[in-house]
N, C-alpha and C. Protein backbone atom coordinates (compact mmCIF):
# COMPACT_ATOMS: atom_id res chain seq x y z
N PHE A 1 -35.30 31.20 5.64
CA PHE A 1 -36.11 32.26 4.68
C PHE A 1 -36.31 33.45 5.79
N CYS A 2 -36.51 33.12 6.95
CA CYS A 2 -37.14 34.53 8.09
C CYS A 2 -36.08 35.41 8.41
N LYS A 3 -35.18 34.79 8.46
CA LYS A 3 -33.45 35.54 9.02
C LYS A 3 -33.33 36.20 8.06
N ARG A 4 -33.36 36.52 6.75
CA ARG A 4 -32.70 37.43 5.41
C ARG A 4 -34.10 38.51 5.18
N VAL A 5 -35.06 38.27 5.38
CA VAL A 5 -35.96 39.41 5.73
C VAL A 5 -35.71 40.17 6.80
N ARG A 6 -35.84 39.73 8.08
CA ARG A 6 -35.28 39.92 9.48
C ARG A 6 -34.14 41.13 9.26
N GLU A 7 -32.92 40.08 8.38
CA GLU A 7 -31.63 41.37 7.97
C GLU A 7 -32.28 42.49 7.36
N MET A 8 -33.34 42.58 6.61
CA MET A 8 -32.99 43.44 5.19
C MET A 8 -33.97 44.56 6.08
N ILE A 9 -34.67 44.08 7.10
CA ILE A 9 -35.51 45.32 7.49
C ILE A 9 -34.70 45.91 8.77
N ASN A 10 -33.76 45.10 9.57
CA ASN A 10 -32.90 45.85 10.55
C ASN A 10 -31.68 46.73 9.71
N VAL A 11 -31.46 46.36 8.22
CA VAL A 11 -30.38 47.07 7.32
C VAL A 11 -31.37 48.44 7.19
N LEU A 12 -32.61 48.96 6.79
CA LEU A 12 -33.79 49.66 6.63
C LEU A 12 -34.11 50.61 7.83
N ASP A 13 -33.96 49.99 8.83
CA ASP A 13 -34.05 50.46 10.39
C ASP A 13 -35.57 50.63 10.21
N LEU A 14 -36.15 49.50 9.97
CA LEU A 14 -37.88 50.08 10.06
C LEU A 14 -38.09 49.03 11.61
N THR A 15 -39.57 49.33 12.14
CA THR A 15 -40.04 49.05 12.92
C THR A 15 -41.12 48.17 12.58
N VAL A 16 -41.18 46.79 12.93
CA VAL A 16 -42.19 45.54 12.92
C VAL A 16 -42.71 44.92 14.08
N GLU A 17 -43.94 44.66 13.28
CA GLU A 17 -44.71 43.60 14.37
C GLU A 17 -44.66 42.72 13.85
N TYR A 18 -44.18 41.42 14.84
CA TYR A 18 -43.81 40.17 14.10
C TYR A 18 -45.15 39.09 15.13
N ARG A 19 -45.28 38.49 14.17
CA ARG A 19 -46.05 37.46 14.82
C ARG A 19 -46.17 36.18 15.02
N PRO A 20 -45.21 35.66 15.75
CA PRO A 20 -44.57 34.54 15.56
C PRO A 20 -45.45 33.23 15.41
N CYS A 21 -45.18 32.30 14.63
CA CYS A 21 -45.46 31.08 14.21
C CYS A 21 -44.11 29.95 14.14
N PRO A 22 -44.20 29.46 15.54
CA PRO A 22 -42.66 28.26 15.68
C PRO A 22 -43.27 27.79 15.16
N GLY A 23 -42.20 26.98 14.24
CA GLY A 23 -42.51 25.56 13.24
C GLY A 23 -43.10 26.01 11.96
N ALA A 24 -43.55 27.33 11.94
CA ALA A 24 -45.05 27.07 11.23
C ALA A 24 -45.94 26.97 10.94
N ARG A 25 -46.57 25.78 12.03
CA ARG A 25 -47.27 25.02 12.14
C ARG A 25 -47.61 25.33 13.66
N GLN A 26 -47.74 25.85 14.44
CA GLN A 26 -48.40 25.72 15.78
C GLN A 26 -48.40 27.29 16.23
N GLY A 27 -49.84 27.58 16.49
CA GLY A 27 -50.48 28.40 17.38
C GLY A 27 -51.47 29.25 16.86
N LYS A 28 -51.70 30.38 17.21
CA LYS A 28 -53.03 30.99 16.69
C LYS A 28 -52.92 31.88 15.35
N PHE A 29 -51.34 32.40 15.72
CA PHE A 29 -50.66 33.17 14.25
C PHE A 29 -51.38 32.50 13.11
N SER A 30 -50.17 30.76 13.55
CA SER A 30 -50.02 29.95 12.21
C SER A 30 -52.00 29.40 11.55
N GLU A 31 -52.80 29.67 12.10
CA GLU A 31 -54.38 29.38 11.87
C GLU A 31 -54.55 30.70 10.98
N GLU A 32 -54.47 32.01 11.76
CA GLU A 32 -54.67 33.20 11.21
C GLU A 32 -54.13 33.11 9.42
N LEU A 33 -53.06 33.09 9.87
CA LEU A 33 -52.15 33.28 8.01
C LEU A 33 -52.96 31.67 7.16
N TYR A 34 -53.27 30.59 7.80
CA TYR A 34 -53.46 29.72 7.26
C TYR A 34 -55.08 30.38 6.75
N GLN A 35 -55.70 30.58 7.55
CA GLN A 35 -57.18 31.52 6.82
C GLN A 35 -57.22 32.61 6.08
N LEU A 36 -56.13 33.01 6.21
CA LEU A 36 -55.66 34.31 5.40
C LEU A 36 -55.77 33.80 3.71
N THR A 37 -54.35 32.91 3.86
CA THR A 37 -54.22 32.95 2.42
C THR A 37 -54.07 31.59 1.84
N GLY A 38 -53.90 30.23 2.89
CA GLY A 38 -54.79 28.83 2.45
C GLY A 38 -53.31 28.12 2.69
N ARG A 39 -52.08 28.95 3.22
CA ARG A 39 -51.05 28.75 3.43
C ARG A 39 -50.54 28.60 4.68
N ARG A 40 -49.42 27.73 5.11
CA ARG A 40 -48.55 27.99 6.03
C ARG A 40 -47.51 28.36 6.40
N THR A 41 -47.04 29.30 5.31
CA THR A 41 -45.32 29.53 4.43
C THR A 41 -44.90 30.66 5.17
N VAL A 42 -44.23 30.65 6.09
CA VAL A 42 -43.60 31.89 6.47
C VAL A 42 -42.21 32.23 5.79
N PRO A 43 -41.60 32.97 5.37
CA PRO A 43 -42.38 34.89 6.42
C PRO A 43 -43.49 35.48 5.21
N TYR A 44 -44.18 35.65 5.76
CA TYR A 44 -45.66 36.27 5.16
C TYR A 44 -45.31 37.96 5.24
N LEU A 45 -45.25 38.41 4.92
CA LEU A 45 -45.28 39.66 4.49
C LEU A 45 -46.74 40.72 4.46
N ILE A 46 -47.25 41.69 5.73
CA ILE A 46 -48.17 42.29 5.66
C ILE A 46 -47.80 43.89 5.45
N ASP A 47 -48.10 44.37 4.76
CA ASP A 47 -47.70 45.94 4.60
C ASP A 47 -48.75 46.71 4.93
N PRO A 48 -48.83 47.16 6.22
CA PRO A 48 -50.44 48.13 6.25
C PRO A 48 -50.12 49.87 5.43
N ASN A 49 -49.08 50.17 5.26
CA ASN A 49 -49.00 51.13 4.51
C ASN A 49 -49.19 50.95 3.33
N THR A 50 -48.78 49.93 2.50
CA THR A 50 -49.33 49.81 1.06
C THR A 50 -50.68 49.17 0.62
N GLY A 51 -51.10 48.42 1.38
CA GLY A 51 -51.73 47.18 1.73
C GLY A 51 -51.31 46.18 0.69
N VAL A 52 -49.56 45.96 0.66
CA VAL A 52 -48.96 44.64 0.25
C VAL A 52 -49.10 43.88 1.37
N SER A 53 -49.46 42.39 0.68
CA SER A 53 -49.17 41.36 0.85
C SER A 53 -48.36 40.38 0.14
N MET A 54 -47.44 39.74 1.05
CA MET A 54 -46.92 38.84 -0.21
C MET A 54 -45.79 37.73 0.81
N PHE A 55 -45.56 36.68 -0.10
CA PHE A 55 -45.25 35.29 0.40
C PHE A 55 -43.41 35.67 -0.45
N GLU A 56 -42.72 34.76 -0.20
CA GLU A 56 -41.33 34.77 -1.01
C GLU A 56 -40.61 35.49 -0.19
N SER A 57 -39.62 35.29 0.31
CA SER A 57 -38.31 36.04 1.35
C SER A 57 -37.42 36.95 -0.32
N ASP A 58 -37.17 36.67 -1.13
CA ASP A 58 -36.90 37.32 -2.08
C ASP A 58 -37.44 38.42 -2.42
N ASP A 59 -38.76 37.95 -3.30
CA ASP A 59 -39.91 39.42 -3.10
C ASP A 59 -39.86 40.19 -2.53
N GLN A 60 -40.12 39.60 -1.27
CA GLN A 60 -40.14 40.50 0.10
C GLN A 60 -39.19 41.50 0.17
N ILE A 61 -37.64 40.79 0.44
CA ILE A 61 -36.41 41.88 0.20
C ILE A 61 -36.32 42.79 -0.94
N GLU A 62 -36.80 42.81 -2.20
CA GLU A 62 -36.56 43.43 -3.25
C GLU A 62 -37.58 44.38 -2.69
N TYR A 63 -38.89 43.98 -2.31
CA TYR A 63 -40.18 44.81 -2.29
C TYR A 63 -39.39 46.32 -1.22
N LEU A 64 -39.02 45.60 -0.15
CA LEU A 64 -38.97 46.17 1.38
C LEU A 64 -37.65 47.46 0.78
N VAL A 65 -37.13 46.73 0.24
CA VAL A 65 -35.44 47.83 -0.48
C VAL A 65 -35.95 48.82 -1.51
N ASN A 66 -37.08 48.63 -2.46
CA ASN A 66 -37.59 49.63 -3.53
C ASN A 66 -38.65 50.68 -2.57
N THR A 67 -39.35 49.85 -1.65
CA THR A 67 -40.49 50.40 -1.05
C THR A 67 -39.60 51.42 0.02
N TYR A 68 -38.93 51.23 0.80
CA TYR A 68 -38.51 51.86 1.64
C TYR A 68 -36.76 52.16 1.98
N GLY A 69 -36.22 51.70 0.77
CA GLY A 69 -34.94 51.62 0.75
C GLY A 69 -34.84 53.36 0.01
N PRO A 70 -33.13 53.60 -0.07
CA PRO A 70 -32.96 55.31 -0.44
C PRO A 70 -33.42 55.01 -1.69
N ARG A 71 -33.90 56.38 -2.60
CA ARG A 71 -34.99 56.77 -3.20
C ARG A 71 -34.04 56.39 -4.70
N ASP A 72 -32.68 56.98 -4.18
CA ASP A 72 -31.84 56.89 -5.36
C ASP A 72 -30.78 56.06 -5.03
N GLY A 73 -30.62 54.82 -5.74
CA GLY A 73 -29.96 54.12 -5.97
C GLY A 73 -28.69 54.36 -6.08
N SER A 74 -28.16 55.25 -6.39
CA SER A 74 -27.34 55.93 -6.26
C SER A 74 -25.88 56.53 -5.09
N THR A 75 -27.01 56.54 -4.22
CA THR A 75 -26.52 57.03 -2.42
C THR A 75 -26.16 55.59 -1.84
N TYR A 76 -26.08 54.32 -2.51
CA TYR A 76 -25.75 53.48 -1.75
C TYR A 76 -25.16 51.96 -3.07
N ASP A 77 -24.20 51.41 -2.25
CA ASP A 77 -23.54 50.33 -3.17
C ASP A 77 -24.53 49.28 -2.92
N SER A 78 -25.32 48.65 -4.11
CA SER A 78 -26.52 47.76 -3.82
C SER A 78 -25.67 46.16 -3.45
N LYS A 79 -24.33 46.05 -4.08
CA LYS A 79 -23.64 44.86 -3.82
C LYS A 79 -23.18 44.83 -2.62
N ALA A 80 -23.65 45.73 -1.37
CA ALA A 80 -23.08 45.98 0.31
C ALA A 80 -24.23 45.02 0.42
N LEU A 81 -25.54 44.84 -0.30
CA LEU A 81 -26.03 43.85 0.44
C LEU A 81 -26.00 42.35 -0.08
N TRP A 82 -25.47 42.07 -0.82
CA TRP A 82 -24.86 40.57 -1.08
C TRP A 82 -25.14 39.76 -0.04
N PRO A 83 -24.83 39.37 0.77
CA PRO A 83 -24.93 38.35 2.15
C PRO A 83 -26.19 38.04 3.08
N ILE A 84 -26.86 38.89 2.37
CA ILE A 84 -28.92 39.16 2.63
C ILE A 84 -29.44 38.94 1.11
N THR A 85 -28.64 39.54 -0.13
CA THR A 85 -29.92 39.23 -1.67
C THR A 85 -28.67 37.65 -2.01
N PHE A 86 -28.02 37.32 -1.39
CA PHE A 86 -27.68 36.09 -2.57
C PHE A 86 -27.62 34.85 -1.18
N GLN A 87 -28.62 34.51 -2.16
CA GLN A 87 -29.40 33.65 -1.58
C GLN A 87 -29.05 32.10 -1.23
N ALA A 88 -27.90 31.85 -1.95
CA ALA A 88 -27.34 30.43 -1.33
C ALA A 88 -26.70 30.52 -0.57
N PHE A 89 -25.60 31.58 -0.45
CA PHE A 89 -24.67 32.44 0.88
C PHE A 89 -25.53 32.59 2.22
N SER A 90 -26.57 33.04 1.71
CA SER A 90 -27.21 33.26 3.01
C SER A 90 -28.50 32.15 4.03
N MET A 91 -29.05 31.34 2.79
CA MET A 91 -29.15 30.11 3.36
C MET A 91 -28.36 29.20 4.18
N VAL A 92 -27.44 28.94 3.61
CA VAL A 92 -26.35 28.34 3.94
C VAL A 92 -25.52 28.78 5.35
N THR A 93 -25.42 29.96 5.54
CA THR A 93 -25.34 30.22 6.51
C THR A 93 -26.07 30.30 7.41
N SER A 94 -27.45 30.97 6.99
CA SER A 94 -28.76 31.18 8.62
C SER A 94 -28.28 29.41 9.19
N THR A 95 -28.92 28.37 7.95
CA THR A 95 -29.31 26.74 8.36
C THR A 95 -28.05 26.52 9.28
N ILE A 96 -26.93 26.71 8.65
CA ILE A 96 -25.94 26.27 10.32
C ILE A 96 -25.69 27.12 11.34
N ALA A 97 -25.92 28.03 11.27
CA ALA A 97 -25.59 28.59 12.76
C ALA A 97 -27.21 28.27 12.94
N ALA A 98 -28.18 27.93 12.79
CA ALA A 98 -29.49 27.42 13.21
C ALA A 98 -29.66 25.79 13.89
N ILE A 99 -28.58 25.18 13.04
CA ILE A 99 -28.62 24.14 13.12
C ILE A 99 -27.34 23.53 14.70
N VAL A 100 -26.32 24.42 14.33
CA VAL A 100 -25.42 24.93 15.15
C VAL A 100 -25.97 25.01 16.91
N ARG A 101 -27.35 25.96 16.82
CA ARG A 101 -27.96 26.15 17.73
C ARG A 101 -28.96 25.71 18.26
N ASP A 102 -29.35 24.70 17.91
CA ASP A 102 -30.67 23.53 18.39
C ASP A 102 -31.75 24.33 17.63
N MET A 103 -31.88 25.00 16.37
CA MET A 103 -32.95 25.02 15.84
C MET A 103 -33.71 26.46 16.80
N PRO A 104 -33.32 27.38 17.34
CA PRO A 104 -33.92 28.21 18.34
C PRO A 104 -35.12 28.48 17.61
N GLY A 105 -36.27 28.88 18.25
CA GLY A 105 -37.50 29.37 17.54
C GLY A 105 -38.41 28.94 17.09
N SER A 106 -37.80 27.36 16.52
CA SER A 106 -38.48 26.91 15.54
C SER A 106 -39.82 26.13 16.24
N LYS A 107 -39.77 25.78 17.45
CA LYS A 107 -40.81 24.91 18.08
C LYS A 107 -41.65 25.68 19.22
N ARG A 108 -42.64 25.62 19.66
CA ARG A 108 -43.03 26.30 20.86
C ARG A 108 -42.65 25.57 22.18
N GLN A 109 -42.08 26.31 23.11
CA GLN A 109 -42.38 26.24 24.48
C GLN A 109 -43.30 25.04 24.99
N LEU A 110 -42.83 24.20 25.80
CA LEU A 110 -44.14 23.06 26.42
C LEU A 110 -44.65 24.32 27.37
N ASN A 111 -44.05 24.69 28.35
CA ASN A 111 -44.96 25.42 29.50
C ASN A 111 -45.32 26.84 28.91
N ALA A 112 -45.08 27.49 27.80
CA ALA A 112 -46.01 28.82 27.18
C ALA A 112 -47.40 28.96 27.48
N ARG A 113 -47.30 30.01 28.10
CA ARG A 113 -48.90 30.56 28.23
C ARG A 113 -49.94 29.97 26.58
N VAL A 114 -50.81 29.26 27.31
CA VAL A 114 -51.84 29.00 26.28
C VAL A 114 -52.74 30.63 25.58
N ASP A 115 -52.40 31.28 26.40
CA ASP A 115 -52.71 32.70 25.71
C ASP A 115 -51.84 33.69 24.76
N ASN A 116 -50.83 33.44 25.05
CA ASN A 116 -49.87 34.15 24.94
C ASN A 116 -49.66 35.11 23.24
N GLU A 117 -50.64 34.63 22.57
CA GLU A 117 -50.97 34.85 20.85
C GLU A 117 -51.80 36.30 21.20
N ASP A 118 -53.23 36.04 22.40
CA ASP A 118 -53.86 37.04 22.44
C ASP A 118 -52.94 38.34 23.27
N MET A 119 -51.70 38.49 23.81
CA MET A 119 -51.28 39.53 24.27
C MET A 119 -51.18 40.54 23.40
N ARG A 120 -51.13 41.69 24.35
CA ARG A 120 -50.19 43.28 23.19
C ARG A 120 -49.04 42.63 22.79
N PRO A 121 -48.60 43.29 21.76
CA PRO A 121 -47.34 43.00 21.41
C PRO A 121 -46.36 43.69 22.18
N LEU A 122 -45.09 42.86 22.71
CA LEU A 122 -44.10 43.66 23.71
C LEU A 122 -43.13 44.54 22.39
N GLU A 123 -42.43 45.33 23.07
CA GLU A 123 -42.11 46.12 22.62
C GLU A 123 -39.93 45.80 22.63
N LEU A 124 -39.73 45.47 21.51
CA LEU A 124 -38.16 44.68 21.62
C LEU A 124 -37.13 45.77 20.90
N TRP A 125 -36.54 46.55 21.41
CA TRP A 125 -35.47 47.57 21.05
C TRP A 125 -34.55 47.00 20.65
N GLY A 126 -33.73 46.90 19.45
CA GLY A 126 -32.35 46.12 19.45
C GLY A 126 -31.59 45.88 17.66
N TYR A 127 -30.99 44.84 17.46
CA TYR A 127 -31.21 44.39 16.11
C TYR A 127 -30.67 43.36 15.69
N GLU A 128 -31.30 42.88 14.34
CA GLU A 128 -31.15 41.19 14.47
C GLU A 128 -29.69 40.13 14.92
N ALA A 129 -28.77 41.58 14.35
CA ALA A 129 -27.45 40.48 14.64
C ALA A 129 -26.61 40.67 16.32
N SER A 130 -27.11 41.56 16.98
CA SER A 130 -27.00 41.31 17.96
C SER A 130 -27.03 39.95 19.12
N PRO A 131 -25.29 39.94 19.87
CA PRO A 131 -25.62 38.28 20.32
C PRO A 131 -26.70 38.76 21.78
N PHE A 132 -26.72 39.81 22.21
CA PHE A 132 -27.50 40.47 23.26
C PHE A 132 -28.73 40.06 23.20
N VAL A 133 -29.62 40.67 21.56
CA VAL A 133 -31.06 40.62 21.42
C VAL A 133 -31.55 39.30 20.97
N LYS A 134 -30.57 38.51 20.04
CA LYS A 134 -30.88 37.45 19.83
C LYS A 134 -31.60 36.20 20.68
N PRO A 135 -30.90 36.05 21.54
CA PRO A 135 -31.75 35.23 22.34
C PRO A 135 -32.90 35.38 22.90
N VAL A 136 -33.28 36.93 23.04
CA VAL A 136 -34.80 37.67 23.26
C VAL A 136 -35.40 37.67 22.28
N ARG A 137 -35.36 37.72 21.45
CA ARG A 137 -36.33 37.86 19.93
C ARG A 137 -36.29 36.10 19.90
N GLU A 138 -35.64 34.76 19.77
CA GLU A 138 -35.71 33.74 19.96
C GLU A 138 -36.48 33.23 20.96
N LYS A 139 -36.69 33.98 22.25
CA LYS A 139 -37.54 33.41 23.20
C LYS A 139 -38.63 34.02 23.29
N LEU A 140 -38.98 35.24 22.72
CA LEU A 140 -40.65 35.60 22.34
C LEU A 140 -41.16 34.75 21.30
N CYS A 141 -40.01 34.42 20.37
CA CYS A 141 -40.94 33.52 19.18
C CYS A 141 -40.86 32.04 19.85
N SER A 142 -40.43 31.34 20.97
CA SER A 142 -40.54 30.26 21.30
C SER A 142 -41.87 30.05 22.06
N LEU A 143 -42.01 31.39 22.54
CA LEU A 143 -43.13 31.43 23.52
C LEU A 143 -44.67 32.36 22.62
N ALA A 144 -44.34 31.99 21.61
CA ALA A 144 -45.30 32.94 20.77
C ALA A 144 -46.18 33.54 21.03
N LEU A 145 -45.04 34.90 21.41
CA LEU A 145 -45.71 36.53 22.12
C LEU A 145 -45.40 37.42 21.04
N PRO A 146 -46.51 37.64 20.52
CA PRO A 146 -46.57 38.90 19.58
C PRO A 146 -45.68 40.39 20.08
N HIS A 147 -44.47 40.52 19.18
CA HIS A 147 -43.67 41.81 19.56
C HIS A 147 -43.37 42.94 18.57
N VAL A 148 -43.22 43.83 18.89
CA VAL A 148 -42.61 45.04 17.62
C VAL A 148 -41.34 45.39 17.82
N MET A 149 -40.56 44.47 16.69
CA MET A 149 -38.96 44.99 16.74
C MET A 149 -38.59 46.69 16.52
N VAL A 150 -37.51 47.49 17.41
CA VAL A 150 -37.68 48.74 17.01
C VAL A 150 -35.85 48.31 16.32
N SER A 151 -35.81 48.40 15.31
CA SER A 151 -34.44 48.44 14.96
C SER A 151 -33.50 49.34 15.23
N CYS A 152 -32.33 49.23 15.54
CA CYS A 152 -31.12 50.29 16.11
C CYS A 152 -30.08 50.28 16.68
N SER A 153 -29.38 49.92 15.00
CA SER A 153 -28.26 49.33 15.56
C SER A 153 -27.50 50.32 14.66
N ARG A 154 -26.49 50.45 14.87
CA ARG A 154 -25.45 51.55 15.38
C ARG A 154 -25.57 52.33 13.60
N GLY A 155 -25.66 53.76 14.41
CA GLY A 155 -25.75 54.89 13.08
C GLY A 155 -27.64 55.12 13.39
N SER A 156 -28.40 54.62 13.29
CA SER A 156 -29.55 54.22 13.44
C SER A 156 -30.28 55.42 14.39
N ALA A 157 -31.34 56.18 13.62
CA ALA A 157 -32.18 56.97 14.35
C ALA A 157 -32.97 56.38 15.49
N ASN A 158 -33.45 55.80 15.68
CA ASN A 158 -33.97 54.65 16.54
C ASN A 158 -32.99 54.80 17.85
N ARG A 159 -31.72 54.13 17.54
CA ARG A 159 -30.90 54.68 18.46
C ARG A 159 -30.71 55.61 19.24
N ASP A 160 -30.33 56.66 18.83
CA ASP A 160 -30.51 57.88 19.16
C ASP A 160 -31.98 58.08 20.30
N ARG A 161 -32.94 58.05 19.44
CA ARG A 161 -34.71 58.37 20.32
C ARG A 161 -34.29 57.13 21.58
N LEU A 162 -33.53 55.81 21.69
CA LEU A 162 -33.50 54.89 22.78
C LEU A 162 -32.64 55.76 23.70
N ILE A 163 -31.53 55.97 23.12
CA ILE A 163 -30.75 56.92 24.09
C ILE A 163 -31.56 58.09 24.84
N GLU A 164 -32.34 58.67 24.28
CA GLU A 164 -33.06 59.92 24.48
C GLU A 164 -33.83 59.57 25.83
N ARG A 165 -34.65 58.28 25.13
CA ARG A 165 -35.76 57.66 26.02
C ARG A 165 -35.45 56.74 27.60
N THR A 166 -34.13 56.54 27.69
CA THR A 166 -33.18 55.97 28.78
C THR A 166 -32.43 57.16 29.47
N GLY A 167 -31.79 57.99 28.63
CA GLY A 167 -30.91 58.63 29.38
C GLY A 167 -29.63 58.06 29.33
N ASN A 168 -29.29 56.76 28.87
CA ASN A 168 -28.09 56.00 28.60
C ASN A 168 -27.53 55.48 27.45
N LYS A 169 -26.20 55.53 27.69
CA LYS A 169 -25.82 54.34 26.21
C LYS A 169 -25.99 53.18 26.65
N PHE A 170 -25.67 52.56 25.70
CA PHE A 170 -25.69 50.99 25.43
C PHE A 170 -24.98 50.06 24.58
N GLN A 171 -25.46 49.06 24.85
CA GLN A 171 -24.85 48.39 24.05
C GLN A 171 -25.96 46.70 23.95
N VAL A 172 -26.19 47.28 22.39
CA VAL A 172 -27.10 46.11 21.75
C VAL A 172 -26.65 45.28 20.71
């Protein structure tokens, strides 16, 4: 379910802070979520811009598109989002990929520092589908390190900002 929301965040070119809860039951962030909501269900979305908080990936995806997507629905074809919005397809493909890859990020790494959740968020520039970014993001999750993901897929204004910042073309 988390992957579907991360993919929509990437499509919308949003910059988001992640607070990993490996296995949804481990670590300080999981405990904070439980204290806040009485549940340890992820993903859980908190939008500080609007004050909205919610569970349920379908609701989160709809909210993100309605809040941060194009104001005029005629400027894009909503059917192009079906790999994310069609839950059966996205769940089957995400589950198969996770099983084949031994469920990365689903449990806290045994030698992760106990104070990782207390660290200031790291900043990772990339995009969800990148084969170069995915293992880094998964490692951040298994180490329970908070991080800000700056989406920068091809065509993204953030990608242009990164090129300006580094002075290099790059592959993410």
